C-alpha atoms as a PDB file:
ATOM      1  CA  MET A   1     -15.327   7.967  -5.037  1.00  0.00           C
ATOM      2  CA  ALA A   2     -14.377   6.524  -8.415  1.00  0.00           C
ATOM      3  CA  THR A   3     -11.978   3.599  -8.345  1.00  0.00           C
ATOM      4  CA  LEU A   4      -8.562   3.819  -9.978  1.00  0.00           C
ATOM      5  CA  VAL A   5      -8.250   0.047 -10.348  1.00  0.00           C
ATOM      6  CA  GLY A   6      -7.255  -0.757 -13.926  1.00  0.00           C
ATOM      7  CA  ARG A   7      -6.051   2.794 -14.555  1.00  0.00           C
ATOM      8  CA  LYS A   8      -2.648   4.469 -14.525  1.00  0.00           C
ATOM      9  CA  ALA A   9      -1.650   5.579 -11.047  1.00  0.00           C
ATOM     10  CA  PRO A  10      -1.457   9.383 -10.735  1.00  0.00           C
ATOM     11  CA  ASP A  11       2.140  10.580 -10.551  1.00  0.00           C
ATOM     12  CA  PHE A  12       3.219  13.102  -7.931  1.00  0.00           C
ATOM     13  CA  THR A  13       6.225  15.034  -6.698  1.00  0.00           C
ATOM     14  CA  CYS A  14       6.506  16.198  -3.096  1.00  0.00           C
ATOM     15  CA  ALA A  15       8.769  16.544  -0.101  1.00  0.00           C
ATOM     16  CA  ALA A  16       9.452  13.310   1.752  1.00  0.00           C
ATOM     17  CA  VAL A  17      11.508  11.577   4.395  1.00  0.00           C
ATOM     18  CA  LEU A  18      13.444   8.713   2.820  1.00  0.00           C
ATOM     19  CA  GLY A  19      13.933   5.329   4.421  1.00  0.00           C
ATOM     20  CA  ASN A  20      17.386   6.359   5.675  1.00  0.00           C
ATOM     21  CA  GLY A  21      15.974   9.420   7.461  1.00  0.00           C
ATOM     22  CA  GLU A  22      17.083  12.000   4.897  1.00  0.00           C
ATOM     23  CA  ILE A  23      14.692  14.725   3.771  1.00  0.00           C
ATOM     24  CA  THR A  24      14.213  15.453   0.092  1.00  0.00           C
ATOM     25  CA  ASN A  25      12.095  18.224  -1.382  1.00  0.00           C
ATOM     26  CA  LYS A  26      11.799  16.509  -4.767  1.00  0.00           C
ATOM     27  CA  PHE A  27      10.577  12.963  -4.252  1.00  0.00           C
ATOM     28  CA  LYS A  28       9.044  11.849  -7.568  1.00  0.00           C
ATOM     29  CA  PHE A  29       6.816   8.792  -7.394  1.00  0.00           C
ATOM     30  CA  SER A  30       7.254   7.589 -10.992  1.00  0.00           C
ATOM     31  CA  GLU A  31      11.064   7.782 -10.853  1.00  0.00           C
ATOM     32  CA  THR A  32      11.344   5.959  -7.533  1.00  0.00           C
ATOM     33  CA  THR A  33       8.992   3.155  -8.546  1.00  0.00           C
ATOM     34  CA  ALA A  34      10.169   2.647 -12.143  1.00  0.00           C
ATOM     35  CA  GLY A  35      10.442  -1.089 -12.821  1.00  0.00           C
ATOM     36  CA  LYS A  36       8.978  -1.955  -9.420  1.00  0.00           C
ATOM     37  CA  TYR A  37       5.652  -2.693  -7.836  1.00  0.00           C
ATOM     38  CA  ALA A  38       4.444  -0.010  -5.430  1.00  0.00           C
ATOM     39  CA  LEU A  39       2.326   0.279  -2.327  1.00  0.00           C
ATOM     40  CA  ILE A  40       0.992   3.726  -1.496  1.00  0.00           C
ATOM     41  CA  PHE A  41      -0.069   3.539   2.130  1.00  0.00           C
ATOM     42  CA  PHE A  42      -2.295   6.487   3.042  1.00  0.00           C
ATOM     43  CA  TYR A  43      -2.992   7.250   6.700  1.00  0.00           C
ATOM     44  CA  PRO A  44      -4.682  10.212   8.430  1.00  0.00           C
ATOM     45  CA  LEU A  45      -2.089  11.918  10.648  1.00  0.00           C
ATOM     46  CA  ASP A  46       1.201  11.566  12.463  1.00  0.00           C
ATOM     47  CA  PHE A  47       1.145  11.391  16.273  1.00  0.00           C
ATOM     48  CA  THR A  48      -2.303   9.786  16.401  1.00  0.00           C
ATOM     49  CA  PHE A  49      -3.752   6.466  17.545  1.00  0.00           C
ATOM     50  CA  VAL A  50      -4.333   3.643  15.064  1.00  0.00           C
ATOM     51  CA  CYS A  51      -1.667   5.029  12.723  1.00  0.00           C
ATOM     52  CA  PRO A  52       1.471   4.021  14.665  1.00  0.00           C
ATOM     53  CA  SER A  53       0.289   0.426  14.970  1.00  0.00           C
ATOM     54  CA  GLU A  54      -0.162   0.264  11.197  1.00  0.00           C
ATOM     55  CA  LEU A  55       3.123   1.958  10.334  1.00  0.00           C
ATOM     56  CA  ILE A  56       5.115  -0.225  12.721  1.00  0.00           C
ATOM     57  CA  ALA A  57       3.394  -3.346  11.349  1.00  0.00           C
ATOM     58  CA  LEU A  58       4.305  -2.156   7.854  1.00  0.00           C
ATOM     59  CA  HIS A  59       7.940  -1.631   8.854  1.00  0.00           C
ATOM     60  CA  ASN A  60       8.069  -5.106  10.410  1.00  0.00           C
ATOM     61  CA  ARG A  61       7.239  -6.614   6.988  1.00  0.00           C
ATOM     62  CA  MET A  62       9.553  -4.497   4.863  1.00  0.00           C
ATOM     63  CA  GLN A  63      11.874  -7.385   4.083  1.00  0.00           C
ATOM     64  CA  GLN A  64       8.925  -9.286   2.611  1.00  0.00           C
ATOM     65  CA  PHE A  65       7.907  -6.299   0.507  1.00  0.00           C
ATOM     66  CA  LYS A  66      11.498  -5.875  -0.717  1.00  0.00           C
ATOM     67  CA  GLU A  67      11.688  -9.546  -1.683  1.00  0.00           C
ATOM     68  CA  LYS A  68       8.585  -9.006  -3.821  1.00  0.00           C
ATOM     69  CA  ASN A  69      10.145  -5.877  -5.441  1.00  0.00           C
ATOM     70  CA  VAL A  70       7.562  -3.559  -3.849  1.00  0.00           C
ATOM     71  CA  GLU A  71       8.484   0.067  -3.119  1.00  0.00           C
ATOM     72  CA  VAL A  72       6.513   1.297  -0.091  1.00  0.00           C
ATOM     73  CA  ILE A  73       5.462   4.935   0.265  1.00  0.00           C
ATOM     74  CA  ALA A  74       3.469   6.073   3.294  1.00  0.00           C
ATOM     75  CA  VAL A  75       1.473   9.273   2.742  1.00  0.00           C
ATOM     76  CA  SER A  76      -0.309  11.680   5.066  1.00  0.00           C
ATOM     77  CA  ILE A  77      -1.045  15.403   4.997  1.00  0.00           C
ATOM     78  CA  ASP A  78       1.692  16.106   7.554  1.00  0.00           C
ATOM     79  CA  SER A  79       4.900  17.897   6.572  1.00  0.00           C
ATOM     80  CA  GLN A  80       8.225  16.168   6.058  1.00  0.00           C
ATOM     81  CA  PHE A  81       9.387  17.762   9.319  1.00  0.00           C
ATOM     82  CA  THR A  82       6.510  16.263  11.295  1.00  0.00           C
ATOM     83  CA  HIS A  83       7.203  12.891   9.639  1.00  0.00           C
ATOM     84  CA  LEU A  84      10.832  13.123  10.740  1.00  0.00           C
ATOM     85  CA  ALA A  85       9.884  14.130  14.287  1.00  0.00           C
ATOM     86  CA  TRP A  86       7.508  11.168  14.581  1.00  0.00           C
ATOM     87  CA  ARG A  87      10.127   8.842  13.115  1.00  0.00           C
ATOM     88  CA  ASN A  88      12.621  10.117  15.701  1.00  0.00           C
ATOM     89  CA  THR A  89      10.188   9.564  18.593  1.00  0.00           C
ATOM     90  CA  PRO A  90      10.721   6.248  20.408  1.00  0.00           C
ATOM     91  CA  ILE A  91       7.983   3.668  20.071  1.00  0.00           C
ATOM     92  CA  ASN A  92       7.391   3.581  23.823  1.00  0.00           C
ATOM     93  CA  GLN A  93       6.614   7.304  23.641  1.00  0.00           C
ATOM     94  CA  GLY A  94       4.059   7.001  20.839  1.00  0.00           C
ATOM     95  CA  GLY A  95       6.483   7.280  17.936  1.00  0.00           C
ATOM     96  CA  ILE A  96       7.116   4.861  15.099  1.00  0.00           C
ATOM     97  CA  GLY A  97      10.896   4.565  15.319  1.00  0.00           C
ATOM     98  CA  LYS A  98      13.282   4.395  12.365  1.00  0.00           C
ATOM     99  CA  VAL A  99      10.910   2.980   9.772  1.00  0.00           C
ATOM    100  CA  SER A 100      12.676   1.986   6.578  1.00  0.00           C
ATOM    101  CA  TYR A 101      10.209   3.190   3.950  1.00  0.00           C
ATOM    102  CA  ILE A 102       9.515   6.587   2.382  1.00  0.00           C
ATOM    103  CA  MET A 103       7.131   8.983   4.142  1.00  0.00           C
ATOM    104  CA  ALA A 104       5.661  11.472   1.663  1.00  0.00           C
ATOM    105  CA  ALA A 105       4.343  14.881   2.738  1.00  0.00           C
ATOM    106  CA  ASP A 106       0.946  15.645   1.173  1.00  0.00           C
ATOM    107  CA  VAL A 107       0.577  19.054   2.814  1.00  0.00           C
ATOM    108  CA  ASN A 108      -1.502  20.491  -0.035  1.00  0.00           C
ATOM    109  CA  HIS A 109      -3.750  17.365  -0.113  1.00  0.00           C
ATOM    110  CA  ARG A 110      -3.129  16.883  -3.829  1.00  0.00           C
ATOM    111  CA  ILE A 111      -2.056  13.251  -3.539  1.00  0.00           C
ATOM    112  CA  CYS A 112      -4.992  12.035  -1.445  1.00  0.00           C
ATOM    113  CA  GLN A 113      -7.338  13.972  -3.722  1.00  0.00           C
ATOM    114  CA  ALA A 114      -5.768  12.537  -6.890  1.00  0.00           C
ATOM    115  CA  TYR A 115      -6.284   9.032  -5.494  1.00  0.00           C
ATOM    116  CA  GLY A 116      -9.808   9.812  -4.297  1.00  0.00           C
ATOM    117  CA  VAL A 117      -9.150   8.923  -0.651  1.00  0.00           C
ATOM    118  CA  GLU A 118      -9.613  12.231   1.179  1.00  0.00           C
ATOM    119  CA  HIS A 119     -12.161  12.138   4.004  1.00  0.00           C
ATOM    120  CA  PRO A 120     -15.015  14.509   3.009  1.00  0.00           C
ATOM    121  CA  GLU A 121     -15.279  16.128   6.441  1.00  0.00           C
ATOM    122  CA  ALA A 122     -12.069  15.494   8.372  1.00  0.00           C
ATOM    123  CA  GLY A 123      -9.810  16.701   5.539  1.00  0.00           C
ATOM    124  CA  VAL A 124      -7.328  13.855   6.018  1.00  0.00           C
ATOM    125  CA  ALA A 125      -6.714  10.664   4.047  1.00  0.00           C
ATOM    126  CA  PHE A 126      -8.725   7.538   4.718  1.00  0.00           C
ATOM    127  CA  ARG A 127      -6.696   4.419   5.558  1.00  0.00           C
ATOM    128  CA  ALA A 128      -6.094   3.432   1.948  1.00  0.00           C
ATOM    129  CA  ALA A 129      -3.651   0.881   0.557  1.00  0.00           C
ATOM    130  CA  ILE A 130      -3.087   1.219  -3.194  1.00  0.00           C
ATOM    131  CA  LEU A 131      -1.174  -1.547  -5.001  1.00  0.00           C
ATOM    132  CA  ILE A 132       0.395  -0.647  -8.333  1.00  0.00           C
ATOM    133  CA  ASP A 133       2.078  -2.994 -10.802  1.00  0.00           C
ATOM    134  CA  LYS A 134       5.368  -2.543 -12.685  1.00  0.00           C
ATOM    135  CA  ASN A 135       3.522  -0.845 -15.544  1.00  0.00           C
ATOM    136  CA  GLY A 136       2.185   1.828 -13.197  1.00  0.00           C
ATOM    137  CA  VAL A 137      -1.375   0.473 -13.243  1.00  0.00           C
ATOM    138  CA  VAL A 138      -3.457   0.318 -10.060  1.00  0.00           C
ATOM    139  CA  ARG A 139      -4.367  -3.325  -9.365  1.00  0.00           C
ATOM    140  CA  SER A 140      -5.942  -3.124  -5.899  1.00  0.00           C
ATOM    141  CA  GLU A 141      -7.424  -0.554  -3.533  1.00  0.00           C
ATOM    142  CA  ILE A 142      -8.275  -1.153   0.112  1.00  0.00           C
ATOM    143  CA  VAL A 143      -9.955   1.847   1.749  1.00  0.00           C
ATOM    144  CA  ASN A 144     -10.891   1.792   5.433  1.00  0.00           C
ATOM    145  CA  ASP A 145     -12.628   4.419   7.541  1.00  0.00           C
ATOM    146  CA  LEU A 146     -10.481   6.234  10.093  1.00  0.00           C
ATOM    147  CA  PRO A 147     -11.022   3.922  13.125  1.00  0.00           C
ATOM    148  CA  ILE A 148     -10.274   0.669  11.241  1.00  0.00           C
ATOM    149  CA  GLY A 149      -6.698  -0.568  10.901  1.00  0.00           C
ATOM    150  CA  ARG A 150      -5.470  -2.632   7.971  1.00  0.00           C
ATOM    151  CA  ASP A 151      -3.923  -6.107   7.773  1.00  0.00           C
ATOM    152  CA  MET A 152      -0.387  -5.997   6.311  1.00  0.00           C
ATOM    153  CA  ASP A 153      -0.414  -9.730   5.635  1.00  0.00           C
ATOM    154  CA  GLU A 154      -3.504  -9.311   3.455  1.00  0.00           C
ATOM    155  CA  ILE A 155      -1.653  -6.643   1.463  1.00  0.00           C
ATOM    156  CA  LEU A 156       1.266  -9.041   0.974  1.00  0.00           C
ATOM    157  CA  ARG A 157      -1.191 -11.744  -0.121  1.00  0.00           C
ATOM    158  CA  LEU A 158      -2.599  -9.386  -2.732  1.00  0.00           C
ATOM    159  CA  VAL A 159       0.903  -8.682  -4.064  1.00  0.00           C
ATOM    160  CA  ASP A 160       1.398 -12.446  -4.422  1.00  0.00           C
ATOM    161  CA  ALA A 161      -1.909 -12.736  -6.291  1.00  0.00           C
ATOM    162  CA  ILE A 162      -1.001  -9.914  -8.683  1.00  0.00           C
ATOM    163  CA  GLN A 163       2.391 -11.459  -9.387  1.00  0.00           C
ATOM    164  CA  HIS A 164       0.983 -14.977  -9.785  1.00  0.00           C
ATOM    165  CA  ASN A 165      -1.554 -13.740 -12.315  1.00  0.00           C
ATOM    166  CA  GLU A 166       1.166 -11.939 -14.275  1.00  0.00           C
ATOM    167  CA  ALA A 167       3.520 -14.923 -14.231  1.00  0.00           C
ATOM    168  CA  HIS A 168       1.054 -17.734 -14.947  1.00  0.00           C
ATOM    169  CA  GLY A 169      -2.082 -16.142 -16.424  1.00  0.00           C
ATOM    170  CA  GLU A 170      -4.171 -17.907 -13.807  1.00  0.00           C
ATOM    171  CA  VAL A 171      -6.773 -16.173 -11.641  1.00  0.00           C
ATOM    172  CA  CYS A 172      -6.686 -16.351  -7.856  1.00  0.00           C
ATOM    173  CA  PRO A 173      -9.835 -17.609  -6.088  1.00  0.00           C
ATOM    174  CA  ALA A 174     -11.207 -16.649  -2.680  1.00  0.00           C
ATOM    175  CA  GLY A 175      -8.598 -16.765   0.065  1.00  0.00           C
ATOM    176  CA  TRP A 176      -5.832 -17.880  -2.308  1.00  0.00           C
ATOM    177  CA  LYS A 177      -2.304 -17.838  -0.873  1.00  0.00           C
ATOM    178  CA  LYS A 178       1.052 -18.222  -2.582  1.00  0.00           C
ATOM    179  CA  GLY A 179       1.800 -21.872  -3.315  1.00  0.00           C
ATOM    180  CA  GLU A 180      -1.857 -22.882  -3.427  1.00  0.00           C
ATOM    181  CA  THR A 181      -3.784 -23.968  -6.509  1.00  0.00           C
ATOM    182  CA  ALA A 182      -5.141 -21.172  -8.674  1.00  0.00           C
ATOM    183  CA  MET A 183      -7.537 -21.613 -11.591  1.00  0.00           C
ATOM    184  CA  LYS A 184      -7.559 -21.256 -15.343  1.00  0.00           C
ATOM    185  CA  ALA A 185      -9.767 -18.401 -16.466  1.00  0.00           C
ATOM    186  CA  SER A 186     -12.187 -20.621 -18.373  1.00  0.00           C
ATOM    187  CA  PRO A 187     -15.405 -22.533 -17.647  1.00  0.00           C
ATOM    188  CA  ASP A 188     -13.438 -25.796 -17.533  1.00  0.00           C
ATOM    189  CA  GLY A 189     -10.850 -24.207 -15.224  1.00  0.00           C
ATOM    190  CA  VAL A 190     -13.517 -23.005 -12.803  1.00  0.00           C
ATOM    191  CA  ALA A 191     -15.259 -26.386 -12.827  1.00  0.00           C
ATOM    192  CA  ALA A 192     -11.999 -28.253 -12.181  1.00  0.00           C
ATOM    193  CA  TYR A 193     -11.029 -25.937  -9.337  1.00  0.00           C
ATOM    194  CA  LEU A 194     -14.434 -26.079  -7.650  1.00  0.00           C
ATOM    195  CA  ALA A 195     -14.598 -29.853  -7.945  1.00  0.00           C
ATOM    196  CA  ASP A 196     -11.482 -30.117  -5.798  1.00  0.00           C
ATOM    197  CA  ASN A 197     -11.785 -27.086  -3.537  1.00  0.00           C
ATOM    198  CA  ALA A 198     -15.405 -25.936  -3.065  1.00  0.00           C
ATOM    199  CA  THR A 199     -15.838 -27.544   0.347  1.00  0.00           C
ATOM    200  CA  ASN A 200     -12.744 -25.753   1.658  1.00  0.00           C
ATOM    201  CA  LEU A 201     -13.693 -22.253   0.520  1.00  0.00           C
END
């Protein structure tokens, strides 16, 4: 699997369930995310096991993503109708409830293939989180195998790191969080940062 980091994110048009529960047959990624950051959140299938925990955790942090100007699009190979049915299923019955982000229908597998995250045997998407900047360039990829759920707070931390780098030109060291000291991308900057922080890394 070749990484897309540093490259333009592939555009796509598909059917989708919008955050308000409406179905559209012409969701276009580039139009919806113009001038915004984007998170494409691939998952294997609706009505499965790890997936609802991830999608509910994602929904629970939507205000934080909105504050950071991040458009969230969840993608699986299910149809828009299956997405809607799962969204309309109560959480205590294995559903995900009224999640407030877009759920894209990749029924022909073109999106997961374009992003290089299709499982070679199962024919579904890996658990991939793709972060894209306002210029449409992929800045981060997290790809987990099917049994391994992702950490939404880590994804938010990565958004902060991308935005800090853009705003200040500084690079973000191991474990960096918003509000902490970053470093200048120079030998002197590295030396100064390590002198103060190496023992805490």
